[in-house]
Amino acid sequence: VLPMSRYYLEILAHESLVLIVTDTYGNGEPPYNGQEFAKSLYEKRGYEIIGNS
């Protein structure tokens, strides 16, 4: 278990499955500590994002 501010896409490339459980605010914006991670993830191609609810 890690805060999103300490998890990087370089680590993600070596994982077979990642489950992200987090809160949101406004219209589904990521929490403050996950904004950079979420931005990087959405910009990166090749990762399948399942669910965003």
PDB file of N, CA and C in Angstrom:
ATOM      1  N   VAL A   1       0.858  -1.167   0.000  1.00  0.00           N
ATOM      2  CA  VAL A   1       0.000   0.000   0.000  1.00  0.00           C
ATOM      3  C   VAL A   1       0.901   1.225   0.000  1.00  0.00           C
ATOM      4  N   LEU A   2       0.653   2.101  -0.968  1.00  0.00           N
ATOM      5  CA  LEU A   2       1.441   3.326  -1.084  1.00  0.00           C
ATOM      6  C   LEU A   2       0.532   4.507  -1.368  1.00  0.00           C
ATOM      7  N   PRO A   3       0.890   5.695  -0.899  1.00  0.00           N
ATOM      8  CA  PRO A   3       0.163   6.880  -1.335  1.00  0.00           C
ATOM      9  C   PRO A   3       0.494   7.144  -2.807  1.00  0.00           C
ATOM     10  N   MET A   4      -0.443   7.692  -3.539  1.00  0.00           N
ATOM     11  CA  MET A   4      -0.240   7.918  -4.972  1.00  0.00           C
ATOM     12  C   MET A   4       0.932   8.848  -5.254  1.00  0.00           C
ATOM     13  N   SER A   5       1.270   9.696  -4.319  1.00  0.00           N
ATOM     14  CA  SER A   5       2.398  10.608  -4.519  1.00  0.00           C
ATOM     15  C   SER A   5       3.745   9.886  -4.477  1.00  0.00           C
ATOM     16  N   ARG A   6       3.764   8.624  -4.025  1.00  0.00           N
ATOM     17  CA  ARG A   6       5.010   7.857  -3.964  1.00  0.00           C
ATOM     18  C   ARG A   6       5.042   6.704  -4.958  1.00  0.00           C
ATOM     19  N   TYR A   7       4.093   6.650  -5.865  1.00  0.00           N
ATOM     20  CA  TYR A   7       4.038   5.566  -6.845  1.00  0.00           C
ATOM     21  C   TYR A   7       4.282   6.158  -8.226  1.00  0.00           C
ATOM     22  N   TYR A   8       5.210   5.579  -8.968  1.00  0.00           N
ATOM     23  CA  TYR A   8       5.612   6.145 -10.257  1.00  0.00           C
ATOM     24  C   TYR A   8       5.344   5.161 -11.388  1.00  0.00           C
ATOM     25  N   LEU A   9       5.154   5.684 -12.582  1.00  0.00           N
ATOM     26  CA  LEU A   9       4.857   4.832 -13.735  1.00  0.00           C
ATOM     27  C   LEU A   9       5.975   3.842 -14.025  1.00  0.00           C
ATOM     28  N   GLU A  10       7.200   4.160 -13.657  1.00  0.00           N
ATOM     29  CA  GLU A  10       8.299   3.222 -13.865  1.00  0.00           C
ATOM     30  C   GLU A  10       8.063   1.933 -13.081  1.00  0.00           C
ATOM     31  N   ILE A  11       7.457   2.045 -11.911  1.00  0.00           N
ATOM     32  CA  ILE A  11       7.119   0.873 -11.100  1.00  0.00           C
ATOM     33  C   ILE A  11       5.974   0.112 -11.752  1.00  0.00           C
ATOM     34  N   LEU A  12       5.020   0.828 -12.300  1.00  0.00           N
ATOM     35  CA  LEU A  12       3.828   0.236 -12.902  1.00  0.00           C
ATOM     36  C   LEU A  12       4.179  -0.723 -14.028  1.00  0.00           C
ATOM     37  N   ALA A  13       5.215  -0.433 -14.771  1.00  0.00           N
ATOM     38  CA  ALA A  13       5.609  -1.278 -15.900  1.00  0.00           C
ATOM     39  C   ALA A  13       5.988  -2.690 -15.467  1.00  0.00           C
ATOM     40  N   HIS A  14       6.343  -2.873 -14.207  1.00  0.00           N
ATOM     41  CA  HIS A  14       6.768  -4.180 -13.700  1.00  0.00           C
ATOM     42  C   HIS A  14       5.668  -4.913 -12.939  1.00  0.00           C
ATOM     43  N   GLU A  15       4.497  -4.327 -12.857  1.00  0.00           N
ATOM     44  CA  GLU A  15       3.378  -4.930 -12.131  1.00  0.00           C
ATOM     45  C   GLU A  15       2.458  -5.661 -13.099  1.00  0.00           C
ATOM     46  N   SER A  16       1.882  -6.765 -12.661  1.00  0.00           N
ATOM     47  CA  SER A  16       0.909  -7.465 -13.506  1.00  0.00           C
ATOM     48  C   SER A  16      -0.504  -6.951 -13.256  1.00  0.00           C
ATOM     49  N   LEU A  17      -0.755  -6.420 -12.072  1.00  0.00           N
ATOM     50  CA  LEU A  17      -2.074  -5.885 -11.731  1.00  0.00           C
ATOM     51  C   LEU A  17      -1.901  -4.810 -10.674  1.00  0.00           C
ATOM     52  N   VAL A  18      -2.574  -3.683 -10.873  1.00  0.00           N
ATOM     53  CA  VAL A  18      -2.554  -2.602  -9.888  1.00  0.00           C
ATOM     54  C   VAL A  18      -3.995  -2.212  -9.607  1.00  0.00           C
ATOM     55  N   LEU A  19      -4.351  -2.164  -8.347  1.00  0.00           N
ATOM     56  CA  LEU A  19      -5.681  -1.746  -7.922  1.00  0.00           C
ATOM     57  C   LEU A  19      -5.528  -0.424  -7.192  1.00  0.00           C
ATOM     58  N   ILE A  20      -6.194   0.596  -7.711  1.00  0.00           N
ATOM     59  CA  ILE A  20      -6.129   1.915  -7.090  1.00  0.00           C
ATOM     60  C   ILE A  20      -7.483   2.205  -6.469  1.00  0.00           C
ATOM     61  N   VAL A  21      -7.478   2.413  -5.172  1.00  0.00           N
ATOM     62  CA  VAL A  21      -8.690   2.776  -4.445  1.00  0.00           C
ATOM     63  C   VAL A  21      -8.435   4.155  -3.858  1.00  0.00           C
ATOM     64  N   THR A  22      -9.260   5.108  -4.241  1.00  0.00           N
ATOM     65  CA  THR A  22      -9.032   6.478  -3.793  1.00  0.00           C
ATOM     66  C   THR A  22     -10.342   7.242  -3.743  1.00  0.00           C
ATOM     67  N   ASP A  23     -10.314   8.347  -3.067  1.00  0.00           N
ATOM     68  CA  ASP A  23     -11.464   9.231  -3.070  1.00  0.00           C
ATOM     69  C   ASP A  23     -11.305  10.228  -4.215  1.00  0.00           C
ATOM     70  N   THR A  24     -12.342  10.953  -4.512  1.00  0.00           N
ATOM     71  CA  THR A  24     -12.298  12.016  -5.514  1.00  0.00           C
ATOM     72  C   THR A  24     -13.023  13.223  -4.941  1.00  0.00           C
ATOM     73  N   TYR A  25     -12.911  14.321  -5.634  1.00  0.00           N
ATOM     74  CA  TYR A  25     -13.673  15.502  -5.242  1.00  0.00           C
ATOM     75  C   TYR A  25     -14.150  16.194  -6.497  1.00  0.00           C
ATOM     76  N   GLY A  26     -15.083  17.130  -6.351  1.00  0.00           N
ATOM     77  CA  GLY A  26     -15.618  17.841  -7.511  1.00  0.00           C
ATOM     78  C   GLY A  26     -16.289  16.886  -8.471  1.00  0.00           C
ATOM     79  N   ASN A  27     -15.849  16.890  -9.717  1.00  0.00           N
ATOM     80  CA  ASN A  27     -16.394  16.015 -10.759  1.00  0.00           C
ATOM     81  C   ASN A  27     -15.473  14.829 -11.007  1.00  0.00           C
ATOM     82  N   GLY A  28     -15.024  14.193  -9.970  1.00  0.00           N
ATOM     83  CA  GLY A  28     -14.173  13.015 -10.111  1.00  0.00           C
ATOM     84  C   GLY A  28     -12.694  13.311 -10.208  1.00  0.00           C
ATOM     85  N   GLU A  29     -12.279  14.512  -9.816  1.00  0.00           N
ATOM     86  CA  GLU A  29     -10.863  14.846  -9.846  1.00  0.00           C
ATOM     87  C   GLU A  29     -10.107  14.003  -8.820  1.00  0.00           C
ATOM     88  N   PRO A  30      -8.858  13.658  -9.125  1.00  0.00           N
ATOM     89  CA  PRO A  30      -8.067  12.871  -8.175  1.00  0.00           C
ATOM     90  C   PRO A  30      -7.737  13.707  -6.943  1.00  0.00           C
ATOM     91  N   PRO A  31      -7.433  13.049  -5.828  1.00  0.00           N
ATOM     92  CA  PRO A  31      -7.034  13.781  -4.625  1.00  0.00           C
ATOM     93  C   PRO A  31      -5.704  14.496  -4.854  1.00  0.00           C
ATOM     94  N   TYR A  32      -5.407  15.443  -3.999  1.00  0.00           N
ATOM     95  CA  TYR A  32      -4.199  16.251  -4.156  1.00  0.00           C
ATOM     96  C   TYR A  32      -2.944  15.397  -4.307  1.00  0.00           C
ATOM     97  N   ASN A  33      -2.785  14.366  -3.456  1.00  0.00           N
ATOM     98  CA  ASN A  33      -1.554  13.575  -3.503  1.00  0.00           C
ATOM     99  C   ASN A  33      -1.480  12.655  -4.717  1.00  0.00           C
ATOM    100  N   GLY A  34      -2.528  12.581  -5.522  1.00  0.00           N
ATOM    101  CA  GLY A  34      -2.519  11.725  -6.692  1.00  0.00           C
ATOM    102  C   GLY A  34      -2.623  12.458  -8.014  1.00  0.00           C
ATOM    103  N   GLN A  35      -2.607  13.770  -7.985  1.00  0.00           N
ATOM    104  CA  GLN A  35      -2.806  14.532  -9.219  1.00  0.00           C
ATOM    105  C   GLN A  35      -1.708  14.294 -10.247  1.00  0.00           C
ATOM    106  N   GLU A  36      -0.460  14.291  -9.834  1.00  0.00           N
ATOM    107  CA  GLU A  36       0.640  14.067 -10.785  1.00  0.00           C
ATOM    108  C   GLU A  36       0.617  12.643 -11.326  1.00  0.00           C
ATOM    109  N   PHE A  37       0.329  11.670 -10.454  1.00  0.00           N
ATOM    110  CA  PHE A  37       0.249  10.285 -10.895  1.00  0.00           C
ATOM    111  C   PHE A  37      -0.878  10.123 -11.908  1.00  0.00           C
ATOM    112  N   ALA A  38      -2.045  10.666 -11.619  1.00  0.00           N
ATOM    113  CA  ALA A  38      -3.189  10.554 -12.527  1.00  0.00           C
ATOM    114  C   ALA A  38      -2.884  11.219 -13.866  1.00  0.00           C
ATOM    115  N   LYS A  39      -2.271  12.383 -13.838  1.00  0.00           N
ATOM    116  CA  LYS A  39      -1.913  13.086 -15.074  1.00  0.00           C
ATOM    117  C   LYS A  39      -0.953  12.242 -15.909  1.00  0.00           C
ATOM    118  N   SER A  40       0.061  11.683 -15.277  1.00  0.00           N
ATOM    119  CA  SER A  40       1.028  10.843 -15.987  1.00  0.00           C
ATOM    120  C   SER A  40       0.370   9.604 -16.562  1.00  0.00           C
ATOM    121  N   LEU A  41      -0.526   8.996 -15.795  1.00  0.00           N
ATOM    122  CA  LEU A  41      -1.195   7.780 -16.235  1.00  0.00           C
ATOM    123  C   LEU A  41      -2.086   8.040 -17.446  1.00  0.00           C
ATOM    124  N   TYR A  42      -2.845   9.128 -17.422  1.00  0.00           N
ATOM    125  CA  TYR A  42      -3.725   9.441 -18.540  1.00  0.00           C
ATOM    126  C   TYR A  42      -2.950   9.828 -19.795  1.00  0.00           C
ATOM    127  N   GLU A  43      -1.775  10.429 -19.632  1.00  0.00           N
ATOM    128  CA  GLU A  43      -0.964  10.824 -20.784  1.00  0.00           C
ATOM    129  C   GLU A  43      -0.202   9.645 -21.388  1.00  0.00           C
ATOM    130  N   LYS A  44       0.071   8.643 -20.584  1.00  0.00           N
ATOM    131  CA  LYS A  44       0.864   7.499 -21.023  1.00  0.00           C
ATOM    132  C   LYS A  44       0.026   6.562 -21.877  1.00  0.00           C
ATOM    133  N   ARG A  45       0.557   6.120 -22.957  1.00  0.00           N
ATOM    134  CA  ARG A  45      -0.126   5.151 -23.821  1.00  0.00           C
ATOM    135  C   ARG A  45       0.349   3.752 -23.469  1.00  0.00           C
ATOM    136  N   GLY A  46      -0.495   2.766 -23.700  1.00  0.00           N
ATOM    137  CA  GLY A  46      -0.104   1.395 -23.454  1.00  0.00           C
ATOM    138  C   GLY A  46      -0.635   0.826 -22.158  1.00  0.00           C
ATOM    139  N   TYR A  47      -1.218   1.656 -21.314  1.00  0.00           N
ATOM    140  CA  TYR A  47      -1.816   1.159 -20.081  1.00  0.00           C
ATOM    141  C   TYR A  47      -3.326   1.156 -20.238  1.00  0.00           C
ATOM    142  N   GLU A  48      -3.941   0.064 -19.886  1.00  0.00           N
ATOM    143  CA  GLU A  48      -5.392  -0.041 -19.954  1.00  0.00           C
ATOM    144  C   GLU A  48      -5.972   0.422 -18.623  1.00  0.00           C
ATOM    145  N   ILE A  49      -6.871   1.382 -18.692  1.00  0.00           N
ATOM    146  CA  ILE A  49      -7.527   1.882 -17.492  1.00  0.00           C
ATOM    147  C   ILE A  49      -8.938   1.329 -17.476  1.00  0.00           C
ATOM    148  N   ILE A  50      -9.240   0.522 -16.475  1.00  0.00           N
ATOM    149  CA  ILE A  50     -10.558  -0.094 -16.355  1.00  0.00           C
ATOM    150  C   ILE A  50     -11.287   0.583 -15.213  1.00  0.00           C
ATOM    151  N   GLY A  51     -12.425   1.154 -15.540  1.00  0.00           N
ATOM    152  CA  GLY A  51     -13.251   1.771 -14.506  1.00  0.00           C
ATOM    153  C   GLY A  51     -12.715   3.113 -14.067  1.00  0.00           C
ATOM    154  N   ASN A  52     -13.590   4.008 -13.886  1.00  0.00           N
ATOM    155  CA  ASN A  52     -13.283   5.326 -13.357  1.00  0.00           C
ATOM    156  C   ASN A  52     -14.576   5.860 -12.795  1.00  0.00           C
ATOM    157  N   SER A  53     -14.983   5.263 -11.698  1.00  0.00           N
ATOM    158  CA  SER A  53     -16.272   5.652 -11.142  1.00  0.00           C
ATOM    159  C   SER A  53     -16.174   5.967  -9.676  1.00  0.00           C
TER     160      SER A  53
END
